[in-house]
PDB file of N, CA and C in Angstrom:
ATOM      1  N   UNK A   1      -1.620   6.371 -15.374  1.00  0.00           N
ATOM      2  CA  UNK A   1      -1.067   6.729 -14.084  1.00  0.00           C
ATOM      3  C   UNK A   1      -2.188   6.859 -13.051  1.00  0.00           C
ATOM      4  N   UNK A   2      -3.272   7.535 -13.432  1.00  0.00           N
ATOM      5  CA  UNK A   2      -4.397   7.701 -12.525  1.00  0.00           C
ATOM      6  C   UNK A   2      -5.006   6.343 -12.179  1.00  0.00           C
ATOM      7  N   UNK A   3      -5.114   5.477 -13.159  1.00  0.00           N
ATOM      8  CA  UNK A   3      -5.657   4.131 -12.938  1.00  0.00           C
ATOM      9  C   UNK A   3      -4.819   3.381 -11.904  1.00  0.00           C
ATOM     10  N   UNK A   4      -3.509   3.569 -11.971  1.00  0.00           N
ATOM     11  CA  UNK A   4      -2.603   2.921 -11.028  1.00  0.00           C
ATOM     12  C   UNK A   4      -2.849   3.437  -9.611  1.00  0.00           C
ATOM     13  N   UNK A   5      -3.050   4.739  -9.465  1.00  0.00           N
ATOM     14  CA  UNK A   5      -3.325   5.324  -8.150  1.00  0.00           C
ATOM     15  C   UNK A   5      -4.654   4.832  -7.588  1.00  0.00           C
ATOM     16  N   UNK A   6      -5.650   4.753  -8.446  1.00  0.00           N
ATOM     17  CA  UNK A   6      -6.953   4.249  -8.012  1.00  0.00           C
ATOM     18  C   UNK A   6      -6.830   2.798  -7.569  1.00  0.00           C
ATOM     19  N   UNK A   7      -6.082   2.013  -8.321  1.00  0.00           N
ATOM     20  CA  UNK A   7      -5.882   0.606  -7.958  1.00  0.00           C
ATOM     21  C   UNK A   7      -5.172   0.498  -6.612  1.00  0.00           C
ATOM     22  N   UNK A   8      -4.175   1.361  -6.383  1.00  0.00           N
ATOM     23  CA  UNK A   8      -3.482   1.347  -5.097  1.00  0.00           C
ATOM     24  C   UNK A   8      -4.426   1.712  -3.958  1.00  0.00           C
ATOM     25  N   UNK A   9      -5.289   2.685  -4.187  1.00  0.00           N
ATOM     26  CA  UNK A   9      -6.266   3.047  -3.166  1.00  0.00           C
ATOM     27  C   UNK A   9      -7.221   1.896  -2.890  1.00  0.00           C
ATOM     28  N   UNK A  10      -7.702   1.240  -3.948  1.00  0.00           N
ATOM     29  CA  UNK A  10      -8.577   0.080  -3.767  1.00  0.00           C
ATOM     30  C   UNK A  10      -7.876  -1.012  -2.974  1.00  0.00           C
ATOM     31  N   UNK A  11      -6.600  -1.217  -3.263  1.00  0.00           N
ATOM     32  CA  UNK A  11      -5.835  -2.240  -2.568  1.00  0.00           C
ATOM     33  C   UNK A  11      -5.681  -1.880  -1.090  1.00  0.00           C
ATOM     34  N   UNK A  12      -5.443  -0.608  -0.800  1.00  0.00           N
ATOM     35  CA  UNK A  12      -5.318  -0.177   0.597  1.00  0.00           C
ATOM     36  C   UNK A  12      -6.631  -0.323   1.351  1.00  0.00           C
ATOM     37  N   UNK A  13      -7.735  -0.040   0.668  1.00  0.00           N
ATOM     38  CA  UNK A  13      -9.045  -0.213   1.295  1.00  0.00           C
ATOM     39  C   UNK A  13      -9.255  -1.680   1.646  1.00  0.00           C
ATOM     40  N   UNK A  14      -8.917  -2.578   0.717  1.00  0.00           N
ATOM     41  CA  UNK A  14      -9.049  -4.015   0.984  1.00  0.00           C
ATOM     42  C   UNK A  14      -8.159  -4.442   2.146  1.00  0.00           C
ATOM     43  N   UNK A  15      -6.932  -3.925   2.191  1.00  0.00           N
ATOM     44  CA  UNK A  15      -6.032  -4.262   3.291  1.00  0.00           C
ATOM     45  C   UNK A  15      -6.592  -3.762   4.617  1.00  0.00           C
ATOM     46  N   UNK A  16      -7.133  -2.564   4.622  1.00  0.00           N
ATOM     47  CA  UNK A  16      -7.728  -1.993   5.824  1.00  0.00           C
ATOM     48  C   UNK A  16      -8.892  -2.858   6.290  1.00  0.00           C
ATOM     49  N   UNK A  17      -9.725  -3.259   5.365  1.00  0.00           N
ATOM     50  CA  UNK A  17     -10.881  -4.081   5.711  1.00  0.00           C
ATOM     51  C   UNK A  17     -10.437  -5.431   6.265  1.00  0.00           C
ATOM     52  N   UNK A  18      -9.399  -6.020   5.671  1.00  0.00           N
ATOM     53  CA  UNK A  18      -8.917  -7.319   6.121  1.00  0.00           C
ATOM     54  C   UNK A  18      -8.289  -7.226   7.507  1.00  0.00           C
ATOM     55  N   UNK A  19      -7.500  -6.186   7.740  1.00  0.00           N
ATOM     56  CA  UNK A  19      -6.762  -6.063   8.992  1.00  0.00           C
ATOM     57  C   UNK A  19      -7.608  -5.583  10.153  1.00  0.00           C
ATOM     58  N   UNK A  20      -8.604  -4.770   9.879  1.00  0.00           N
ATOM     59  CA  UNK A  20      -9.393  -4.184  10.955  1.00  0.00           C
ATOM     60  C   UNK A  20     -10.768  -4.805  11.109  1.00  0.00           C
ATOM     61  N   UNK A  21     -11.074  -5.785  10.299  1.00  0.00           N
ATOM     62  CA  UNK A  21     -12.352  -6.458  10.422  1.00  0.00           C
ATOM     63  C   UNK A  21     -13.534  -5.603  10.022  1.00  0.00           C
ATOM     64  N   UNK A  22     -13.308  -4.601   9.203  1.00  0.00           N
ATOM     65  CA  UNK A  22     -14.395  -3.747   8.748  1.00  0.00           C
ATOM     66  C   UNK A  22     -15.239  -4.537   7.764  1.00  0.00           C
ATOM     67  N   UNK A  23     -16.534  -4.466   7.912  1.00  0.00           N
ATOM     68  CA  UNK A  23     -17.427  -5.191   7.022  1.00  0.00           C
ATOM     69  C   UNK A  23     -17.752  -4.359   5.795  1.00  0.00           C
ATOM     70  N   UNK A  24     -17.798  -5.011   4.662  1.00  0.00           N
ATOM     71  CA  UNK A  24     -18.215  -4.367   3.423  1.00  0.00           C
ATOM     72  C   UNK A  24     -19.729  -4.230   3.469  1.00  0.00           C
ATOM     73  N   UNK A  25     -20.290  -3.077   3.074  1.00  0.00           N
ATOM     74  CA  UNK A  25     -21.738  -2.920   3.108  1.00  0.00           C
ATOM     75  C   UNK A  25     -22.442  -4.004   2.307  1.00  0.00           C
ATOM     76  N   UNK A  26     -23.571  -4.442   2.783  1.00  0.00           N
ATOM     77  CA  UNK A  26     -24.320  -5.493   2.105  1.00  0.00           C
ATOM     78  C   UNK A  26     -25.194  -4.878   1.026  1.00  0.00           C
ATOM     79  N   UNK A  27     -24.721  -4.975  -0.212  1.00  0.00           N
ATOM     80  CA  UNK A  27     -25.476  -4.442  -1.342  1.00  0.00           C
ATOM     81  C   UNK A  27     -25.969  -5.560  -2.252  1.00  0.00           C
ATOM     82  N   UNK A  28     -25.897  -6.788  -1.766  1.00  0.00           N
ATOM     83  CA  UNK A  28     -26.312  -7.930  -2.570  1.00  0.00           C
ATOM     84  C   UNK A  28     -25.181  -8.461  -3.422  1.00  0.00           C
ATOM     85  N   UNK A  29     -24.321  -7.581  -3.911  1.00  0.00           N
ATOM     86  CA  UNK A  29     -23.204  -7.974  -4.758  1.00  0.00           C
ATOM     87  C   UNK A  29     -22.182  -8.775  -3.969  1.00  0.00           C
ATOM     88  N   UNK A  30     -22.004  -8.444  -2.702  1.00  0.00           N
ATOM     89  CA  UNK A  30     -20.944  -9.044  -1.906  1.00  0.00           C
ATOM     90  C   UNK A  30     -21.340 -10.317  -1.186  1.00  0.00           C
ATOM     91  N   UNK A  31     -22.577 -10.768  -1.297  1.00  0.00           N
ATOM     92  CA  UNK A  31     -23.034 -11.935  -0.559  1.00  0.00           C
ATOM     93  C   UNK A  31     -22.151 -13.155  -0.805  1.00  0.00           C
ATOM     94  N   UNK A  32     -21.957 -13.549  -2.047  1.00  0.00           N
ATOM     95  CA  UNK A  32     -21.142 -14.717  -2.363  1.00  0.00           C
ATOM     96  C   UNK A  32     -19.663 -14.427  -2.336  1.00  0.00           C
ATOM     97  N   UNK A  33     -19.295 -13.161  -2.492  1.00  0.00           N
ATOM     98  CA  UNK A  33     -17.887 -12.792  -2.562  1.00  0.00           C
ATOM     99  C   UNK A  33     -17.191 -13.048  -1.231  1.00  0.00           C
ATOM    100  N   UNK A  34     -17.906 -12.949  -0.129  1.00  0.00           N
ATOM    101  CA  UNK A  34     -17.309 -13.172   1.186  1.00  0.00           C
ATOM    102  C   UNK A  34     -16.775 -14.591   1.324  1.00  0.00           C
ATOM    103  N   UNK A  35     -17.269 -15.505   0.514  1.00  0.00           N
ATOM    104  CA  UNK A  35     -16.830 -16.891   0.566  1.00  0.00           C
ATOM    105  C   UNK A  35     -15.526 -17.112  -0.187  1.00  0.00           C
ATOM    106  N   UNK A  36     -15.095 -16.131  -0.973  1.00  0.00           N
ATOM    107  CA  UNK A  36     -13.874 -16.256  -1.773  1.00  0.00           C
ATOM    108  C   UNK A  36     -12.656 -15.909  -0.932  1.00  0.00           C
ATOM    109  N   UNK A  37     -11.500 -16.481  -1.295  1.00  0.00           N
ATOM    110  CA  UNK A  37     -10.279 -16.089  -0.600  1.00  0.00           C
ATOM    111  C   UNK A  37      -9.883 -14.671  -1.023  1.00  0.00           C
ATOM    112  N   UNK A  38      -8.895 -14.116  -0.360  1.00  0.00           N
ATOM    113  CA  UNK A  38      -8.539 -12.709  -0.567  1.00  0.00           C
ATOM    114  C   UNK A  38      -8.070 -12.418  -1.994  1.00  0.00           C
ATOM    115  N   UNK A  39      -7.307 -13.318  -2.581  1.00  0.00           N
ATOM    116  CA  UNK A  39      -6.835 -13.106  -3.952  1.00  0.00           C
ATOM    117  C   UNK A  39      -8.008 -13.103  -4.919  1.00  0.00           C
ATOM    118  N   UNK A  40      -8.912 -14.057  -4.774  1.00  0.00           N
ATOM    119  CA  UNK A  40     -10.084 -14.106  -5.649  1.00  0.00           C
ATOM    120  C   UNK A  40     -10.940 -12.855  -5.471  1.00  0.00           C
ATOM    121  N   UNK A  41     -11.084 -12.385  -4.243  1.00  0.00           N
ATOM    122  CA  UNK A  41     -11.849 -11.163  -4.000  1.00  0.00           C
ATOM    123  C   UNK A  41     -11.216  -9.970  -4.695  1.00  0.00           C
ATOM    124  N   UNK A  42      -9.908  -9.845  -4.582  1.00  0.00           N
ATOM    125  CA  UNK A  42      -9.212  -8.713  -5.197  1.00  0.00           C
ATOM    126  C   UNK A  42      -9.368  -8.734  -6.719  1.00  0.00           C
ATOM    127  N   UNK A  43      -9.173  -9.910  -7.320  1.00  0.00           N
ATOM    128  CA  UNK A  43      -9.324 -10.042  -8.770  1.00  0.00           C
ATOM    129  C   UNK A  43     -10.764  -9.734  -9.168  1.00  0.00           C
ATOM    130  N   UNK A  44     -11.716 -10.285  -8.435  1.00  0.00           N
ATOM    131  CA  UNK A  44     -13.135 -10.072  -8.736  1.00  0.00           C
ATOM    132  C   UNK A  44     -13.500  -8.588  -8.679  1.00  0.00           C
ATOM    133  N   UNK A  45     -13.084  -7.888  -7.628  1.00  0.00           N
ATOM    134  CA  UNK A  45     -13.440  -6.481  -7.507  1.00  0.00           C
ATOM    135  C   UNK A  45     -12.796  -5.625  -8.596  1.00  0.00           C
ATOM    136  N   UNK A  46     -11.593  -5.976  -9.024  1.00  0.00           N
ATOM    137  CA  UNK A  46     -10.972  -5.245 -10.139  1.00  0.00           C
ATOM    138  C   UNK A  46     -11.765  -5.473 -11.426  1.00  0.00           C
ATOM    139  N   UNK A  47     -12.225  -6.704 -11.632  1.00  0.00           N
ATOM    140  CA  UNK A  47     -13.018  -7.011 -12.824  1.00  0.00           C
ATOM    141  C   UNK A  47     -14.365  -6.298 -12.768  1.00  0.00           C
ATOM    142  N   UNK A  48     -14.981  -6.246 -11.604  1.00  0.00           N
ATOM    143  CA  UNK A  48     -16.260  -5.529 -11.452  1.00  0.00           C
ATOM    144  C   UNK A  48     -16.065  -4.046 -11.759  1.00  0.00           C
ATOM    145  N   UNK A  49     -14.966  -3.471 -11.273  1.00  0.00           N
ATOM    146  CA  UNK A  49     -14.705  -2.045 -11.488  1.00  0.00           C
ATOM    147  C   UNK A  49     -14.341  -1.717 -12.932  1.00  0.00           C
ATOM    148  N   UNK A  50     -13.769  -2.691 -13.638  1.00  0.00           N
ATOM    149  CA  UNK A  50     -13.359  -2.455 -15.029  1.00  0.00           C
ATOM    150  C   UNK A  50     -13.508  -3.757 -15.810  1.00  0.00           C
ATOM    151  N   UNK A  51     -14.715  -4.032 -16.332  1.00  0.00           N
ATOM    152  CA  UNK A  51     -14.965  -5.306 -17.021  1.00  0.00           C
ATOM    153  C   UNK A  51     -14.064  -5.569 -18.230  1.00  0.00           C
ATOM    154  N   UNK A  52     -13.512  -4.547 -18.832  1.00  0.00           N
ATOM    155  CA  UNK A  52     -12.647  -4.751 -19.992  1.00  0.00           C
ATOM    156  C   UNK A  52     -11.183  -4.978 -19.596  1.00  0.00           C
ATOM    157  N   UNK A  53     -10.912  -5.115 -18.318  1.00  0.00           N
ATOM    158  CA  UNK A  53      -9.537  -5.295 -17.843  1.00  0.00           C
ATOM    159  C   UNK A  53      -8.934  -6.582 -18.404  1.00  0.00           C
ATOM    160  N   UNK A  54      -7.643  -6.525 -18.688  1.00  0.00           N
ATOM    161  CA  UNK A  54      -6.921  -7.682 -19.223  1.00  0.00           C
ATOM    162  C   UNK A  54      -6.037  -8.271 -18.140  1.00  0.00           C
ATOM    163  N   UNK A  55      -5.584  -9.485 -18.361  1.00  0.00           N
ATOM    164  CA  UNK A  55      -4.757 -10.187 -17.380  1.00  0.00           C
ATOM    165  C   UNK A  55      -3.492  -9.407 -17.038  1.00  0.00           C
ATOM    166  N   UNK A  56      -2.882  -8.799 -18.035  1.00  0.00           N
ATOM    167  CA  UNK A  56      -1.659  -8.029 -17.807  1.00  0.00           C
ATOM    168  C   UNK A  56      -1.918  -6.888 -16.841  1.00  0.00           C
ATOM    169  N   UNK A  57      -3.051  -6.224 -16.993  1.00  0.00           N
ATOM    170  CA  UNK A  57      -3.395  -5.126 -16.090  1.00  0.00           C
ATOM    171  C   UNK A  57      -3.649  -5.637 -14.676  1.00  0.00           C
ATOM    172  N   UNK A  58      -4.319  -6.772 -14.559  1.00  0.00           N
ATOM    173  CA  UNK A  58      -4.549  -7.360 -13.230  1.00  0.00           C
ATOM    174  C   UNK A  58      -3.223  -7.688 -12.555  1.00  0.00           C
ATOM    175  N   UNK A  59      -2.286  -8.213 -13.332  1.00  0.00           N
ATOM    176  CA  UNK A  59      -0.967  -8.536 -12.789  1.00  0.00           C
ATOM    177  C   UNK A  59      -0.290  -7.286 -12.234  1.00  0.00           C
ATOM    178  N   UNK A  60      -0.349  -6.193 -12.984  1.00  0.00           N
ATOM    179  CA  UNK A  60       0.308  -4.956 -12.579  1.00  0.00           C
ATOM    180  C   UNK A  60      -0.390  -4.308 -11.389  1.00  0.00           C
ATOM    181  N   UNK A  61      -1.698  -4.211 -11.449  1.00  0.00           N
ATOM    182  CA  UNK A  61      -2.463  -3.529 -10.404  1.00  0.00           C
ATOM    183  C   UNK A  61      -2.374  -4.273  -9.075  1.00  0.00           C
ATOM    184  N   UNK A  62      -2.522  -5.593  -9.132  1.00  0.00           N
ATOM    185  CA  UNK A  62      -2.564  -6.386  -7.902  1.00  0.00           C
ATOM    186  C   UNK A  62      -1.207  -6.944  -7.502  1.00  0.00           C
ATOM    187  N   UNK A  63      -0.208  -6.732  -8.359  1.00  0.00           N
ATOM    188  CA  UNK A  63       1.148  -7.218  -8.095  1.00  0.00           C
ATOM    189  C   UNK A  63       1.156  -8.729  -7.850  1.00  0.00           C
ATOM    190  N   UNK A  64       0.545  -9.450  -8.775  1.00  0.00           N
ATOM    191  CA  UNK A  64       0.501 -10.910  -8.705  1.00  0.00           C
ATOM    192  C   UNK A  64       0.979 -11.484 -10.036  1.00  0.00           C
ATOM    193  N   UNK A  65       1.317 -12.753 -10.035  1.00  0.00           N
ATOM    194  CA  UNK A  65       1.871 -13.380 -11.238  1.00  0.00           C
ATOM    195  C   UNK A  65       0.777 -13.717 -12.258  1.00  0.00           C
ATOM    196  N   UNK A  66       1.233 -14.006 -13.472  1.00  0.00           N
ATOM    197  CA  UNK A  66       0.314 -14.401 -14.536  1.00  0.00           C
ATOM    198  C   UNK A  66      -0.413 -15.696 -14.167  1.00  0.00           C
ATOM    199  N   UNK A  67       0.298 -16.613 -13.563  1.00  0.00           N
ATOM    200  CA  UNK A  67      -0.308 -17.878 -13.147  1.00  0.00           C
ATOM    201  C   UNK A  67      -1.403 -17.643 -12.104  1.00  0.00           C
ATOM    202  N   UNK A  68      -1.156 -16.745 -11.173  1.00  0.00           N
ATOM    203  CA  UNK A  68      -2.156 -16.442 -10.145  1.00  0.00           C
ATOM    204  C   UNK A  68      -3.401 -15.827 -10.772  1.00  0.00           C
ATOM    205  N   UNK A  69      -3.224 -14.923 -11.732  1.00  0.00           N
ATOM    206  CA  UNK A  69      -4.362 -14.322 -12.428  1.00  0.00           C
ATOM    207  C   UNK A  69      -5.140 -15.398 -13.178  1.00  0.00           C
ATOM    208  N   UNK A  70      -4.425 -16.274 -13.870  1.00  0.00           N
ATOM    209  CA  UNK A  70      -5.076 -17.341 -14.631  1.00  0.00           C
ATOM    210  C   UNK A  70      -5.876 -18.253 -13.712  1.00  0.00           C
ATOM    211  N   UNK A  71      -5.269 -18.658 -12.607  1.00  0.00           N
ATOM    212  CA  UNK A  71      -5.965 -19.532 -11.657  1.00  0.00           C
ATOM    213  C   UNK A  71      -7.181 -18.830 -11.053  1.00  0.00           C
ATOM    214  N   UNK A  72      -7.030 -17.558 -10.708  1.00  0.00           N
ATOM    215  CA  UNK A  72      -8.125 -16.819 -10.081  1.00  0.00           C
ATOM    216  C   UNK A  72      -9.294 -16.647 -11.042  1.00  0.00           C
ATOM    217  N   UNK A  73      -9.019 -16.258 -12.281  1.00  0.00           N
ATOM    218  CA  UNK A  73     -10.111 -16.074 -13.239  1.00  0.00           C
ATOM    219  C   UNK A  73     -10.761 -17.413 -13.579  1.00  0.00           C
ATOM    220  N   UNK A  74      -9.957 -18.469 -13.663  1.00  0.00           N
ATOM    221  CA  UNK A  74     -10.513 -19.802 -13.915  1.00  0.00           C
ATOM    222  C   UNK A  74     -11.460 -20.209 -12.775  1.00  0.00           C
ATOM    223  N   UNK A  75     -11.041 -19.961 -11.546  1.00  0.00           N
ATOM    224  CA  UNK A  75     -11.865 -20.319 -10.389  1.00  0.00           C
ATOM    225  C   UNK A  75     -13.137 -19.469 -10.326  1.00  0.00           C
ATOM    226  N   UNK A  76     -13.017 -18.174 -10.615  1.00  0.00           N
ATOM    227  CA  UNK A  76     -14.195 -17.298 -10.619  1.00  0.00           C
ATOM    228  C   UNK A  76     -15.189 -17.725 -11.696  1.00  0.00           C
ATOM    229  N   UNK A  77     -14.678 -18.159 -12.844  1.00  0.00           N
ATOM    230  CA  UNK A  77     -15.563 -18.677 -13.902  1.00  0.00           C
ATOM    231  C   UNK A  77     -16.233 -19.963 -13.450  1.00  0.00           C
ATOM    232  N   UNK A  78     -15.452 -20.853 -12.849  1.00  0.00           N
ATOM    233  CA  UNK A  78     -15.976 -22.133 -12.381  1.00  0.00           C
ATOM    234  C   UNK A  78     -17.078 -21.936 -11.328  1.00  0.00           C
ATOM    235  N   UNK A  79     -16.906 -20.939 -10.463  1.00  0.00           N
ATOM    236  CA  UNK A  79     -17.882 -20.656  -9.411  1.00  0.00           C
ATOM    237  C   UNK A  79     -19.083 -19.854  -9.915  1.00  0.00           C
ATOM    238  N   UNK A  80     -19.021 -19.425 -11.174  1.00  0.00           N
ATOM    239  CA  UNK A  80     -20.146 -18.711 -11.769  1.00  0.00           C
ATOM    240  C   UNK A  80     -20.198 -17.224 -11.475  1.00  0.00           C
ATOM    241  N   UNK A  81     -19.066 -16.623 -11.089  1.00  0.00           N
ATOM    242  CA  UNK A  81     -19.031 -15.192 -10.797  1.00  0.00           C
ATOM    243  C   UNK A  81     -18.830 -14.358 -12.057  1.00  0.00           C
ATOM    244  N   UNK A  82     -18.050 -14.865 -13.002  1.00  0.00           N
ATOM    245  CA  UNK A  82     -17.717 -14.108 -14.202  1.00  0.00           C
ATOM    246  C   UNK A  82     -17.762 -15.006 -15.427  1.00  0.00           C
ATOM    247  N   UNK A  83     -17.810 -14.361 -16.588  1.00  0.00           N
ATOM    248  CA  UNK A  83     -17.756 -15.063 -17.863  1.00  0.00           C
ATOM    249  C   UNK A  83     -17.063 -14.130 -18.850  1.00  0.00           C
ATOM    250  N   UNK A  84     -16.176 -14.659 -19.659  1.00  0.00           N
ATOM    251  CA  UNK A  84     -15.455 -13.850 -20.642  1.00  0.00           C
ATOM    252  C   UNK A  84     -16.266 -13.769 -21.919  1.00  0.00           C
ATOM    253  N   UNK A  85     -16.490 -12.556 -22.393  1.00  0.00           N
ATOM    254  CA  UNK A  85     -17.208 -12.309 -23.635  1.00  0.00           C
ATOM    255  C   UNK A  85     -16.212 -11.730 -24.642  1.00  0.00           C
ATOM    256  N   UNK A  86     -16.045 -12.394 -25.771  1.00  0.00           N
ATOM    257  CA  UNK A  86     -15.128 -11.901 -26.794  1.00  0.00           C
ATOM    258  C   UNK A  86     -13.730 -12.468 -26.601  1.00  0.00           C
ATOM    259  N   UNK A  87     -12.785 -11.876 -27.302  1.00  0.00           N
ATOM    260  CA  UNK A  87     -11.411 -12.382 -27.296  1.00  0.00           C
ATOM    261  C   UNK A  87     -10.658 -11.919 -26.051  1.00  0.00           C
ATOM    262  N   UNK A  88      -9.492 -12.518 -25.839  1.00  0.00           N
ATOM    263  CA  UNK A  88      -8.662 -12.132 -24.701  1.00  0.00           C
ATOM    264  C   UNK A  88      -8.191 -10.687 -24.817  1.00  0.00           C
ATOM    265  N   UNK A  89      -7.974 -10.233 -26.033  1.00  0.00           N
ATOM    266  CA  UNK A  89      -7.434  -8.891 -26.234  1.00  0.00           C
ATOM    267  C   UNK A  89      -8.516  -7.811 -26.258  1.00  0.00           C
ATOM    268  N   UNK A  90      -9.608  -8.058 -26.936  1.00  0.00           N
ATOM    269  CA  UNK A  90     -10.614  -7.007 -27.108  1.00  0.00           C
ATOM    270  C   UNK A  90     -11.922  -7.284 -26.370  1.00  0.00           C
ATOM    271  N   UNK A  91     -12.022  -8.430 -25.722  1.00  0.00           N
ATOM    272  CA  UNK A  91     -13.256  -8.789 -25.031  1.00  0.00           C
ATOM    273  C   UNK A  91     -13.379  -8.114 -23.678  1.00  0.00           C
ATOM    274  N   UNK A  92     -14.409  -8.515 -22.946  1.00  0.00           N
ATOM    275  CA  UNK A  92     -14.594  -8.000 -21.591  1.00  0.00           C
ATOM    276  C   UNK A  92     -15.253  -9.072 -20.733  1.00  0.00           C
ATOM    277  N   UNK A  93     -15.220  -8.845 -19.438  1.00  0.00           N
ATOM    278  CA  UNK A  93     -15.808  -9.779 -18.492  1.00  0.00           C
ATOM    279  C   UNK A  93     -17.268  -9.434 -18.263  1.00  0.00           C
ATOM    280  N   UNK A  94     -18.081 -10.463 -18.196  1.00  0.00           N
ATOM    281  CA  UNK A  94     -19.463 -10.288 -17.844  1.00  0.00           C
ATOM    282  C   UNK A  94     -19.601 -10.725 -16.387  1.00  0.00           C
ATOM    283  N   UNK A  95     -20.196  -9.872 -15.565  1.00  0.00           N
ATOM    284  CA  UNK A  95     -20.364 -10.172 -14.144  1.00  0.00           C
ATOM    285  C   UNK A  95     -21.678 -10.934 -13.996  1.00  0.00           C
ATOM    286  N   UNK A  96     -21.606 -12.136 -13.446  1.00  0.00           N
ATOM    287  CA  UNK A  96     -22.781 -12.989 -13.314  1.00  0.00           C
ATOM    288  C   UNK A  96     -23.357 -12.947 -11.898  1.00  0.00           C
ATOM    289  N   UNK A  97     -22.529 -12.671 -10.928  1.00  0.00           N
ATOM    290  CA  UNK A  97     -22.983 -12.582  -9.509  1.00  0.00           C
ATOM    291  C   UNK A  97     -22.530 -11.283  -8.907  1.00  0.00           C
TER     292      UNK A  97
END
């Protein structure tokens, strides 16, 4: 339940930043992320916050379909942002950028 509330807060922060043009602080992590579309950014930030997150959790937290999660993670892997270590069930994401 707490995880769900935190995810909602993260989502509201992203919406606020998108709507009001607020810039994310430059910590080096966000340099390449600004080039991603909003869905890829949301998926990426959830993975950064919880590397062991599974697709089902991403679907619930971000309120997106399984296909959207699959496409987003595939694109993030292709762009070199993330890499999956281990199995789909017990593995975790490795952050590369």
